[in-house]
């Protein structure tokens, strides 16, 4: 996938939407992000079918890795894998930081109050229904974008490397 101004504009727009969704994590934002994620995967699947070469490798890896992560993270049919995802800890910490104002570092005269990260991690060992909701759904969608993008870049890089070695 080549760099272009339209790709940069798309990336900045998606980052802005993702930041707004994380900050205002409610059911409406979650539904919007899920819809955007499904449209993104559908567009990339169409791209994987219609293109050839390194663009096809990028799109196929994006759909497969991002889609697999999203399926595991949100499906009730894979509870063992779902509970084993390390991203749940990052999402739990982010949720606690945005949900509870006492969790952020606040100046207390000359000292800063410590951030109780260990307490958050201890409480996330049993991610029950308390850790289900719009914030976690949005977070898993965003992680699927990230993992799909990394996998796509890696697949595109490997494809380009293979093509360069054939021409030598």
Foldseek 3Di string as FASTA:
>chain_A
DDDDVVVVVVVVVVVVLLVVCLLVQAPVSLVVLVVVLVVVLVVLVVQLVPDDFLSVQLSVLLNVQLVVLLCCCPPPVNVVSNLVDPVLLVLQLSCCVNVPVVQDWDDDPPDTDDRPSVVSNVVCNDPDPVSDHRNSSSSSSVVSNVRSNVRSVVRSVVRVVVVVVVVD
